[in-house]
Amino acid sequence: MLLALCLAGLIPGTVTAWLLRRRGWLVALAAGLGVTLSLPALLLAAMVLFPPLGFAVALAAIAAALHAYDDGRVWIATAWAATAVLALTCAGVAL
C-alpha cells in the first residue's frame, strides 16, 4: 500500500516533466518537482477545509500503522502513526 501511495504521488510530477521536456530539461524538472511537492500541501489543505477527509485519512493511517507494527516494520509504522496524528490535527483545527 505504501508503494502504491508513493507511486501515485510521483506520477503527476513525472508526467509533467515528460510533457515539458521540449521546453528544456531544467524547466521540465522544476515543473515536475513543483507538481510533486504541491500534492501533499493540497491534501493538507483539503483535510483542514473538509474534516471528514482528515478523519478518513487518520483511520486508514491507524490501520496501516497497526498492521506494520504487527509485521515488525517499526519505522514504516511510525511514519503511518505520524500521518494519523497530522491528519487528526488538520481535522481538529477545522472543527
PDB file of N, CA and C in Angstrom:
ATOM      1  N   MET A   1       0.822  -1.184   0.000  1.00  0.00           N
ATOM      2  CA  MET A   1       0.000   0.000   0.000  1.00  0.00           C
ATOM      3  C   MET A   1       0.874   1.260   0.000  1.00  0.00           C
ATOM      4  N   LEU A   2       1.958   1.217   0.762  1.00  0.00           N
ATOM      5  CA  LEU A   2       2.847   2.374   0.820  1.00  0.00           C
ATOM      6  C   LEU A   2       3.498   2.628  -0.537  1.00  0.00           C
ATOM      7  N   LEU A   3       3.870   1.572  -1.231  1.00  0.00           N
ATOM      8  CA  LEU A   3       4.463   1.725  -2.565  1.00  0.00           C
ATOM      9  C   LEU A   3       3.457   2.335  -3.546  1.00  0.00           C
ATOM     10  N   ALA A   4       2.211   1.899  -3.466  1.00  0.00           N
ATOM     11  CA  ALA A   4       1.181   2.450  -4.345  1.00  0.00           C
ATOM     12  C   ALA A   4       0.953   3.933  -4.064  1.00  0.00           C
ATOM     13  N   LEU A   5       0.983   4.330  -2.803  1.00  0.00           N
ATOM     14  CA  LEU A   5       0.822   5.743  -2.464  1.00  0.00           C
ATOM     15  C   LEU A   5       1.998   6.575  -2.949  1.00  0.00           C
ATOM     16  N   CYS A   6       3.194   6.039  -2.817  1.00  0.00           N
ATOM     17  CA  CYS A   6       4.373   6.765  -3.307  1.00  0.00           C
ATOM     18  C   CYS A   6       4.330   6.933  -4.823  1.00  0.00           C
ATOM     19  N   LEU A   7       3.964   5.888  -5.518  1.00  0.00           N
ATOM     20  CA  LEU A   7       3.855   5.986  -6.980  1.00  0.00           C
ATOM     21  C   LEU A   7       2.755   6.948  -7.404  1.00  0.00           C
ATOM     22  N   ALA A   8       1.643   6.938  -6.681  1.00  0.00           N
ATOM     23  CA  ALA A   8       0.556   7.856  -7.010  1.00  0.00           C
ATOM     24  C   ALA A   8       0.975   9.306  -6.804  1.00  0.00           C
ATOM     25  N   GLY A   9       1.855   9.546  -5.860  1.00  0.00           N
ATOM     26  CA  GLY A   9       2.343  10.897  -5.643  1.00  0.00           C
ATOM     27  C   GLY A   9       3.397  11.328  -6.633  1.00  0.00           C
ATOM     28  N   LEU A  10       4.133  10.376  -7.192  1.00  0.00           N
ATOM     29  CA  LEU A  10       5.207  10.714  -8.124  1.00  0.00           C
ATOM     30  C   LEU A  10       4.768  10.758  -9.589  1.00  0.00           C
ATOM     31  N   ILE A  11       3.696  10.079  -9.921  1.00  0.00           N
ATOM     32  CA  ILE A  11       3.269  10.001 -11.318  1.00  0.00           C
ATOM     33  C   ILE A  11       2.915  11.367 -11.912  1.00  0.00           C
ATOM     34  N   PRO A  12       2.142  12.237 -11.228  1.00  0.00           N
ATOM     35  CA  PRO A  12       1.838  13.538 -11.850  1.00  0.00           C
ATOM     36  C   PRO A  12       3.087  14.377 -12.137  1.00  0.00           C
ATOM     37  N   GLY A  13       4.056  14.358 -11.246  1.00  0.00           N
ATOM     38  CA  GLY A  13       5.289  15.097 -11.479  1.00  0.00           C
ATOM     39  C   GLY A  13       6.099  14.527 -12.626  1.00  0.00           C
ATOM     40  N   THR A  14       6.138  13.217 -12.723  1.00  0.00           N
ATOM     41  CA  THR A  14       6.862  12.565 -13.810  1.00  0.00           C
ATOM     42  C   THR A  14       6.207  12.864 -15.158  1.00  0.00           C
ATOM     43  N   VAL A  15       4.896  12.794 -15.205  1.00  0.00           N
ATOM     44  CA  VAL A  15       4.188  13.089 -16.452  1.00  0.00           C
ATOM     45  C   VAL A  15       4.379  14.550 -16.845  1.00  0.00           C
ATOM     46  N   THR A  16       4.329  15.456 -15.865  1.00  0.00           N
ATOM     47  CA  THR A  16       4.544  16.875 -16.161  1.00  0.00           C
ATOM     48  C   THR A  16       5.936  17.107 -16.719  1.00  0.00           C
ATOM     49  N   ALA A  17       6.935  16.509 -16.101  1.00  0.00           N
ATOM     50  CA  ALA A  17       8.308  16.669 -16.598  1.00  0.00           C
ATOM     51  C   ALA A  17       8.447  16.091 -18.003  1.00  0.00           C
ATOM     52  N   TRP A  18       7.814  14.954 -18.257  1.00  0.00           N
ATOM     53  CA  TRP A  18       7.913  14.336 -19.575  1.00  0.00           C
ATOM     54  C   TRP A  18       7.245  15.195 -20.648  1.00  0.00           C
ATOM     55  N   LEU A  19       6.099  15.772 -20.310  1.00  0.00           N
ATOM     56  CA  LEU A  19       5.383  16.598 -21.285  1.00  0.00           C
ATOM     57  C   LEU A  19       6.088  17.928 -21.561  1.00  0.00           C
ATOM     58  N   LEU A  20       6.829  18.433 -20.614  1.00  0.00           N
ATOM     59  CA  LEU A  20       7.509  19.722 -20.782  1.00  0.00           C
ATOM     60  C   LEU A  20       8.978  19.586 -21.187  1.00  0.00           C
ATOM     61  N   ARG A  21       9.418  18.401 -21.531  1.00  0.00           N
ATOM     62  CA  ARG A  21      10.835  18.191 -21.845  1.00  0.00           C
ATOM     63  C   ARG A  21      11.281  18.975 -23.082  1.00  0.00           C
ATOM     64  N   ARG A  22      10.348  19.328 -23.960  1.00  0.00           N
ATOM     65  CA  ARG A  22      10.716  20.094 -25.157  1.00  0.00           C
ATOM     66  C   ARG A  22      11.092  21.532 -24.832  1.00  0.00           C
ATOM     67  N   ARG A  23      10.665  22.021 -23.686  1.00  0.00           N
ATOM     68  CA  ARG A  23      10.993  23.386 -23.277  1.00  0.00           C
ATOM     69  C   ARG A  23      12.337  23.460 -22.554  1.00  0.00           C
ATOM     70  N   GLY A  24      12.989  22.342 -22.427  1.00  0.00           N
ATOM     71  CA  GLY A  24      14.268  22.279 -21.734  1.00  0.00           C
ATOM     72  C   GLY A  24      14.130  21.437 -20.475  1.00  0.00           C
ATOM     73  N   TRP A  25      15.175  20.693 -20.180  1.00  0.00           N
ATOM     74  CA  TRP A  25      15.104  19.778 -19.047  1.00  0.00           C
ATOM     75  C   TRP A  25      15.069  20.502 -17.716  1.00  0.00           C
ATOM     76  N   LEU A  26      15.669  21.664 -17.624  1.00  0.00           N
ATOM     77  CA  LEU A  26      15.641  22.408 -16.368  1.00  0.00           C
ATOM     78  C   LEU A  26      14.219  22.869 -16.047  1.00  0.00           C
ATOM     79  N   VAL A  27      13.518  23.396 -17.035  1.00  0.00           N
ATOM     80  CA  VAL A  27      12.127  23.822 -16.840  1.00  0.00           C
ATOM     81  C   VAL A  27      11.244  22.605 -16.547  1.00  0.00           C
ATOM     82  N   ALA A  28      11.469  21.524 -17.263  1.00  0.00           N
ATOM     83  CA  ALA A  28      10.666  20.313 -17.066  1.00  0.00           C
ATOM     84  C   ALA A  28      10.861  19.739 -15.668  1.00  0.00           C
ATOM     85  N   LEU A  29      12.103  19.672 -15.209  1.00  0.00           N
ATOM     86  CA  LEU A  29      12.356  19.140 -13.869  1.00  0.00           C
ATOM     87  C   LEU A  29      11.813  20.057 -12.784  1.00  0.00           C
ATOM     88  N   ALA A  30      11.914  21.367 -12.979  1.00  0.00           N
ATOM     89  CA  ALA A  30      11.360  22.306 -11.995  1.00  0.00           C
ATOM     90  C   ALA A  30       9.839  22.181 -11.916  1.00  0.00           C
ATOM     91  N   ALA A  31       9.185  22.062 -13.058  1.00  0.00           N
ATOM     92  CA  ALA A  31       7.730  21.901 -13.064  1.00  0.00           C
ATOM     93  C   ALA A  31       7.317  20.570 -12.441  1.00  0.00           C
ATOM     94  N   GLY A  32       8.024  19.515 -12.774  1.00  0.00           N
ATOM     95  CA  GLY A  32       7.724  18.206 -12.194  1.00  0.00           C
ATOM     96  C   GLY A  32       7.912  18.186 -10.693  1.00  0.00           C
ATOM     97  N   LEU A  33       8.970  18.826 -10.219  1.00  0.00           N
ATOM     98  CA  LEU A  33       9.217  18.906  -8.788  1.00  0.00           C
ATOM     99  C   LEU A  33       8.135  19.733  -8.101  1.00  0.00           C
ATOM    100  N   GLY A  34       7.725  20.823  -8.736  1.00  0.00           N
ATOM    101  CA  GLY A  34       6.663  21.651  -8.172  1.00  0.00           C
ATOM    102  C   GLY A  34       5.345  20.912  -8.056  1.00  0.00           C
ATOM    103  N   VAL A  35       5.006  20.160  -9.079  1.00  0.00           N
ATOM    104  CA  VAL A  35       3.765  19.376  -9.040  1.00  0.00           C
ATOM    105  C   VAL A  35       3.846  18.302  -7.966  1.00  0.00           C
ATOM    106  N   THR A  36       4.974  17.629  -7.872  1.00  0.00           N
ATOM    107  CA  THR A  36       5.133  16.561  -6.887  1.00  0.00           C
ATOM    108  C   THR A  36       5.064  17.100  -5.463  1.00  0.00           C
ATOM    109  N   LEU A  37       5.674  18.230  -5.212  1.00  0.00           N
ATOM    110  CA  LEU A  37       5.678  18.787  -3.859  1.00  0.00           C
ATOM    111  C   LEU A  37       4.366  19.467  -3.492  1.00  0.00           C
ATOM    112  N   SER A  38       3.580  19.862  -4.473  1.00  0.00           N
ATOM    113  CA  SER A  38       2.313  20.520  -4.169  1.00  0.00           C
ATOM    114  C   SER A  38       1.218  19.534  -3.763  1.00  0.00           C
ATOM    115  N   LEU A  39       1.356  18.269  -4.098  1.00  0.00           N
ATOM    116  CA  LEU A  39       0.313  17.304  -3.767  1.00  0.00           C
ATOM    117  C   LEU A  39       0.128  17.115  -2.258  1.00  0.00           C
ATOM    118  N   PRO A  40       1.189  16.971  -1.451  1.00  0.00           N
ATOM    119  CA  PRO A  40       0.959  16.882  -0.003  1.00  0.00           C
ATOM    120  C   PRO A  40       0.340  18.153   0.572  1.00  0.00           C
ATOM    121  N   ALA A  41       0.731  19.311   0.063  1.00  0.00           N
ATOM    122  CA  ALA A  41       0.140  20.561   0.541  1.00  0.00           C
ATOM    123  C   ALA A  41      -1.344  20.624   0.189  1.00  0.00           C
ATOM    124  N   LEU A  42      -1.706  20.141  -0.977  1.00  0.00           N
ATOM    125  CA  LEU A  42      -3.104  20.109  -1.375  1.00  0.00           C
ATOM    126  C   LEU A  42      -3.903  19.171  -0.472  1.00  0.00           C
ATOM    127  N   LEU A  43      -3.334  18.033  -0.118  1.00  0.00           N
ATOM    128  CA  LEU A  43      -4.016  17.106   0.779  1.00  0.00           C
ATOM    129  C   LEU A  43      -4.202  17.712   2.163  1.00  0.00           C
ATOM    130  N   LEU A  44      -3.177  18.393   2.665  1.00  0.00           N
ATOM    131  CA  LEU A  44      -3.302  19.038   3.971  1.00  0.00           C
ATOM    132  C   LEU A  44      -4.379  20.122   3.955  1.00  0.00           C
ATOM    133  N   ALA A  45      -4.407  20.920   2.914  1.00  0.00           N
ATOM    134  CA  ALA A  45      -5.436  21.956   2.810  1.00  0.00           C
ATOM    135  C   ALA A  45      -6.827  21.338   2.711  1.00  0.00           C
ATOM    136  N   ALA A  46      -6.954  20.253   1.982  1.00  0.00           N
ATOM    137  CA  ALA A  46      -8.255  19.586   1.858  1.00  0.00           C
ATOM    138  C   ALA A  46      -8.706  19.020   3.196  1.00  0.00           C
ATOM    139  N   MET A  47      -7.778  18.497   3.999  1.00  0.00           N
ATOM    140  CA  MET A  47      -8.153  17.959   5.306  1.00  0.00           C
ATOM    141  C   MET A  47      -8.545  19.069   6.269  1.00  0.00           C
ATOM    142  N   VAL A  48      -7.945  20.235   6.145  1.00  0.00           N
ATOM    143  CA  VAL A  48      -8.322  21.356   7.001  1.00  0.00           C
ATOM    144  C   VAL A  48      -9.709  21.870   6.615  1.00  0.00           C
ATOM    145  N   LEU A  49      -9.971  21.969   5.328  1.00  0.00           N
ATOM    146  CA  LEU A  49     -11.246  22.507   4.859  1.00  0.00           C
ATOM    147  C   LEU A  49     -12.396  21.510   4.962  1.00  0.00           C
ATOM    148  N   PHE A  50     -12.101  20.217   4.916  1.00  0.00           N
ATOM    149  CA  PHE A  50     -13.126  19.179   4.953  1.00  0.00           C
ATOM    150  C   PHE A  50     -12.716  18.137   6.001  1.00  0.00           C
ATOM    151  N   PRO A  51     -13.070  18.360   7.283  1.00  0.00           N
ATOM    152  CA  PRO A  51     -12.614  17.483   8.368  1.00  0.00           C
ATOM    153  C   PRO A  51     -12.930  15.997   8.212  1.00  0.00           C
ATOM    154  N   PRO A  52     -14.070  15.586   7.605  1.00  0.00           N
ATOM    155  CA  PRO A  52     -14.272  14.145   7.441  1.00  0.00           C
ATOM    156  C   PRO A  52     -13.171  13.469   6.622  1.00  0.00           C
ATOM    157  N   LEU A  53     -12.591  14.186   5.689  1.00  0.00           N
ATOM    158  CA  LEU A  53     -11.464  13.623   4.944  1.00  0.00           C
ATOM    159  C   LEU A  53     -10.280  13.378   5.874  1.00  0.00           C
ATOM    160  N   GLY A  54     -10.047  14.298   6.799  1.00  0.00           N
ATOM    161  CA  GLY A  54      -8.973  14.115   7.775  1.00  0.00           C
ATOM    162  C   GLY A  54      -9.206  12.905   8.657  1.00  0.00           C
ATOM    163  N   PHE A  55     -10.456  12.711   9.080  1.00  0.00           N
ATOM    164  CA  PHE A  55     -10.765  11.536   9.892  1.00  0.00           C
ATOM    165  C   PHE A  55     -10.603  10.246   9.093  1.00  0.00           C
ATOM    166  N   ALA A  56     -11.003  10.254   7.829  1.00  0.00           N
ATOM    167  CA  ALA A  56     -10.854   9.066   6.989  1.00  0.00           C
ATOM    168  C   ALA A  56      -9.383   8.734   6.757  1.00  0.00           C
ATOM    169  N   VAL A  57      -8.579   9.752   6.495  1.00  0.00           N
ATOM    170  CA  VAL A  57      -7.139   9.526   6.305  1.00  0.00           C
ATOM    171  C   VAL A  57      -6.522   9.020   7.605  1.00  0.00           C
ATOM    172  N   ALA A  58      -6.952   9.581   8.732  1.00  0.00           N
ATOM    173  CA  ALA A  58      -6.413   9.143  10.025  1.00  0.00           C
ATOM    174  C   ALA A  58      -6.770   7.686  10.308  1.00  0.00           C
ATOM    175  N   LEU A  59      -8.003   7.285  10.031  1.00  0.00           N
ATOM    176  CA  LEU A  59      -8.387   5.891  10.261  1.00  0.00           C
ATOM    177  C   LEU A  59      -7.604   4.935   9.372  1.00  0.00           C
ATOM    178  N   ALA A  60      -7.419   5.307   8.115  1.00  0.00           N
ATOM    179  CA  ALA A  60      -6.637   4.454   7.220  1.00  0.00           C
ATOM    180  C   ALA A  60      -5.180   4.382   7.678  1.00  0.00           C
ATOM    181  N   ALA A  61      -4.627   5.503   8.134  1.00  0.00           N
ATOM    182  CA  ALA A  61      -3.241   5.513   8.597  1.00  0.00           C
ATOM    183  C   ALA A  61      -3.081   4.712   9.882  1.00  0.00           C
ATOM    184  N   ILE A  62      -4.057   4.778  10.761  1.00  0.00           N
ATOM    185  CA  ILE A  62      -4.000   3.986  12.001  1.00  0.00           C
ATOM    186  C   ILE A  62      -4.040   2.497  11.679  1.00  0.00           C
ATOM    187  N   ALA A  63      -4.912   2.108  10.758  1.00  0.00           N
ATOM    188  CA  ALA A  63      -4.975   0.697  10.361  1.00  0.00           C
ATOM    189  C   ALA A  63      -3.659   0.242   9.741  1.00  0.00           C
ATOM    190  N   ALA A  64      -3.078   1.072   8.895  1.00  0.00           N
ATOM    191  CA  ALA A  64      -1.800   0.714   8.274  1.00  0.00           C
ATOM    192  C   ALA A  64      -0.684   0.671   9.312  1.00  0.00           C
ATOM    193  N   ALA A  65      -0.713   1.574  10.281  1.00  0.00           N
ATOM    194  CA  ALA A  65       0.312   1.575  11.333  1.00  0.00           C
ATOM    195  C   ALA A  65       0.220   0.316  12.192  1.00  0.00           C
ATOM    196  N   LEU A  66      -0.992  -0.065  12.569  1.00  0.00           N
ATOM    197  CA  LEU A  66      -1.147  -1.274  13.372  1.00  0.00           C
ATOM    198  C   LEU A  66      -0.680  -2.510  12.610  1.00  0.00           C
ATOM    199  N   HIS A  67      -0.997  -2.578  11.343  1.00  0.00           N
ATOM    200  CA  HIS A  67      -0.559  -3.718  10.526  1.00  0.00           C
ATOM    201  C   HIS A  67       0.972  -3.744  10.413  1.00  0.00           C
ATOM    202  N   ALA A  68       1.567  -2.575  10.228  1.00  0.00           N
ATOM    203  CA  ALA A  68       3.028  -2.524  10.111  1.00  0.00           C
ATOM    204  C   ALA A  68       3.700  -2.876  11.435  1.00  0.00           C
ATOM    205  N   TYR A  69       3.121  -2.424  12.553  1.00  0.00           N
ATOM    206  CA  TYR A  69       3.678  -2.797  13.859  1.00  0.00           C
ATOM    207  C   TYR A  69       3.589  -4.304  14.075  1.00  0.00           C
ATOM    208  N   ASP A  70       2.486  -4.917  13.644  1.00  0.00           N
ATOM    209  CA  ASP A  70       2.348  -6.370  13.772  1.00  0.00           C
ATOM    210  C   ASP A  70       3.384  -7.110  12.938  1.00  0.00           C
ATOM    211  N   ASP A  71       3.747  -6.554  11.784  1.00  0.00           N
ATOM    212  CA  ASP A  71       4.745  -7.178  10.923  1.00  0.00           C
ATOM    213  C   ASP A  71       6.175  -6.905  11.385  1.00  0.00           C
ATOM    214  N   GLY A  72       6.344  -6.019  12.354  1.00  0.00           N
ATOM    215  CA  GLY A  72       7.678  -5.708  12.857  1.00  0.00           C
ATOM    216  C   GLY A  72       8.391  -4.607  12.097  1.00  0.00           C
ATOM    217  N   ARG A  73       7.703  -3.888  11.250  1.00  0.00           N
ATOM    218  CA  ARG A  73       8.295  -2.779  10.494  1.00  0.00           C
ATOM    219  C   ARG A  73       8.067  -1.488  11.273  1.00  0.00           C
ATOM    220  N   VAL A  74       8.962  -1.232  12.213  1.00  0.00           N
ATOM    221  CA  VAL A  74       8.760  -0.150  13.169  1.00  0.00           C
ATOM    222  C   VAL A  74       8.840   1.224  12.512  1.00  0.00           C
ATOM    223  N   TRP A  75       9.798   1.443  11.611  1.00  0.00           N
ATOM    224  CA  TRP A  75       9.953   2.766  11.007  1.00  0.00           C
ATOM    225  C   TRP A  75       8.770   3.124  10.120  1.00  0.00           C
ATOM    226  N   ILE A  76       8.290   2.182   9.354  1.00  0.00           N
ATOM    227  CA  ILE A  76       7.133   2.434   8.494  1.00  0.00           C
ATOM    228  C   ILE A  76       5.890   2.661   9.348  1.00  0.00           C
ATOM    229  N   ALA A  77       5.747   1.873  10.409  1.00  0.00           N
ATOM    230  CA  ALA A  77       4.602   2.047  11.300  1.00  0.00           C
ATOM    231  C   ALA A  77       4.638   3.404  11.985  1.00  0.00           C
ATOM    232  N   THR A  78       5.824   3.856  12.352  1.00  0.00           N
ATOM    233  CA  THR A  78       5.943   5.167  12.976  1.00  0.00           C
ATOM    234  C   THR A  78       5.588   6.276  11.988  1.00  0.00           C
ATOM    235  N   ALA A  79       5.950   6.108  10.735  1.00  0.00           N
ATOM    236  CA  ALA A  79       5.571   7.089   9.717  1.00  0.00           C
ATOM    237  C   ALA A  79       4.057   7.123   9.537  1.00  0.00           C
ATOM    238  N   TRP A  80       3.417   5.974   9.540  1.00  0.00           N
ATOM    239  CA  TRP A  80       1.955   5.936   9.432  1.00  0.00           C
ATOM    240  C   TRP A  80       1.311   6.557  10.662  1.00  0.00           C
ATOM    241  N   ALA A  81       1.870   6.318  11.841  1.00  0.00           N
ATOM    242  CA  ALA A  81       1.321   6.922  13.055  1.00  0.00           C
ATOM    243  C   ALA A  81       1.455   8.442  13.007  1.00  0.00           C
ATOM    244  N   ALA A  82       2.582   8.934  12.505  1.00  0.00           N
ATOM    245  CA  ALA A  82       2.759  10.384  12.364  1.00  0.00           C
ATOM    246  C   ALA A  82       1.766  10.954  11.357  1.00  0.00           C
ATOM    247  N   THR A  83       1.480  10.206  10.302  1.00  0.00           N
ATOM    248  CA  THR A  83       0.484  10.637   9.327  1.00  0.00           C
ATOM    249  C   THR A  83      -0.898  10.717   9.970  1.00  0.00           C
ATOM    250  N   ALA A  84      -1.215   9.760  10.816  1.00  0.00           N
ATOM    251  CA  ALA A  84      -2.505   9.785  11.513  1.00  0.00           C
ATOM    252  C   ALA A  84      -2.609  10.993  12.440  1.00  0.00           C
ATOM    253  N   VAL A  85      -1.539  11.285  13.149  1.00  0.00           N
ATOM    254  CA  VAL A  85      -1.541  12.450  14.047  1.00  0.00           C
ATOM    255  C   VAL A  85      -1.714  13.738  13.252  1.00  0.00           C
ATOM    256  N   LEU A  86      -1.010  13.852  12.142  1.00  0.00           N
ATOM    257  CA  LEU A  86      -1.127  15.041  11.303  1.00  0.00           C
ATOM    258  C   LEU A  86      -2.540  15.186  10.742  1.00  0.00           C
ATOM    259  N   ALA A  87      -3.134  14.083  10.302  1.00  0.00           N
ATOM    260  CA  ALA A  87      -4.492  14.135   9.762  1.00  0.00           C
ATOM    261  C   ALA A  87      -5.496  14.530  10.837  1.00  0.00           C
ATOM    262  N   LEU A  88      -5.348  13.989  12.036  1.00  0.00           N
ATOM    263  CA  LEU A  88      -6.247  14.360  13.117  1.00  0.00           C
ATOM    264  C   LEU A  88      -6.065  15.808  13.535  1.00  0.00           C
ATOM    265  N   THR A  89      -4.833  16.290  13.473  1.00  0.00           N
ATOM    266  CA  THR A  89      -4.591  17.692  13.782  1.00  0.00           C
ATOM    267  C   THR A  89      -5.254  18.597  12.750  1.00  0.00           C
ATOM    268  N   CYS A  90      -5.137  18.234  11.492  1.00  0.00           N
ATOM    269  CA  CYS A  90      -5.802  19.026  10.448  1.00  0.00           C
ATOM    270  C   CYS A  90      -7.310  19.013  10.614  1.00  0.00           C
ATOM    271  N   ALA A  91      -7.865  17.872  10.937  1.00  0.00           N
ATOM    272  CA  ALA A  91      -9.315  17.783  11.123  1.00  0.00           C
ATOM    273  C   ALA A  91      -9.757  18.525  12.368  1.00  0.00           C
ATOM    274  N   GLY A  92      -8.957  18.510  13.405  1.00  0.00           N
ATOM    275  CA  GLY A  92      -9.306  19.206  14.631  1.00  0.00           C
ATOM    276  C   GLY A  92      -9.219  20.708  14.507  1.00  0.00           C
ATOM    277  N   VAL A  93      -8.321  21.218  13.699  1.00  0.00           N
ATOM    278  CA  VAL A  93      -8.178  22.654  13.500  1.00  0.00           C
ATOM    279  C   VAL A  93      -9.411  23.213  12.806  1.00  0.00           C
ATOM    280  N   ALA A  94      -9.981  22.461  11.891  1.00  0.00           N
ATOM    281  CA  ALA A  94     -11.132  22.936  11.130  1.00  0.00           C
ATOM    282  C   ALA A  94     -12.420  22.851  11.912  1.00  0.00           C
ATOM    283  N   LEU A  95     -12.432  22.086  13.003  1.00  0.00           N
ATOM    284  CA  LEU A  95     -13.654  21.980  13.791  1.00  0.00           C
ATOM    285  C   LEU A  95     -13.803  23.219  14.573  1.00  0.00           C
TER     286      LEU A  95
END
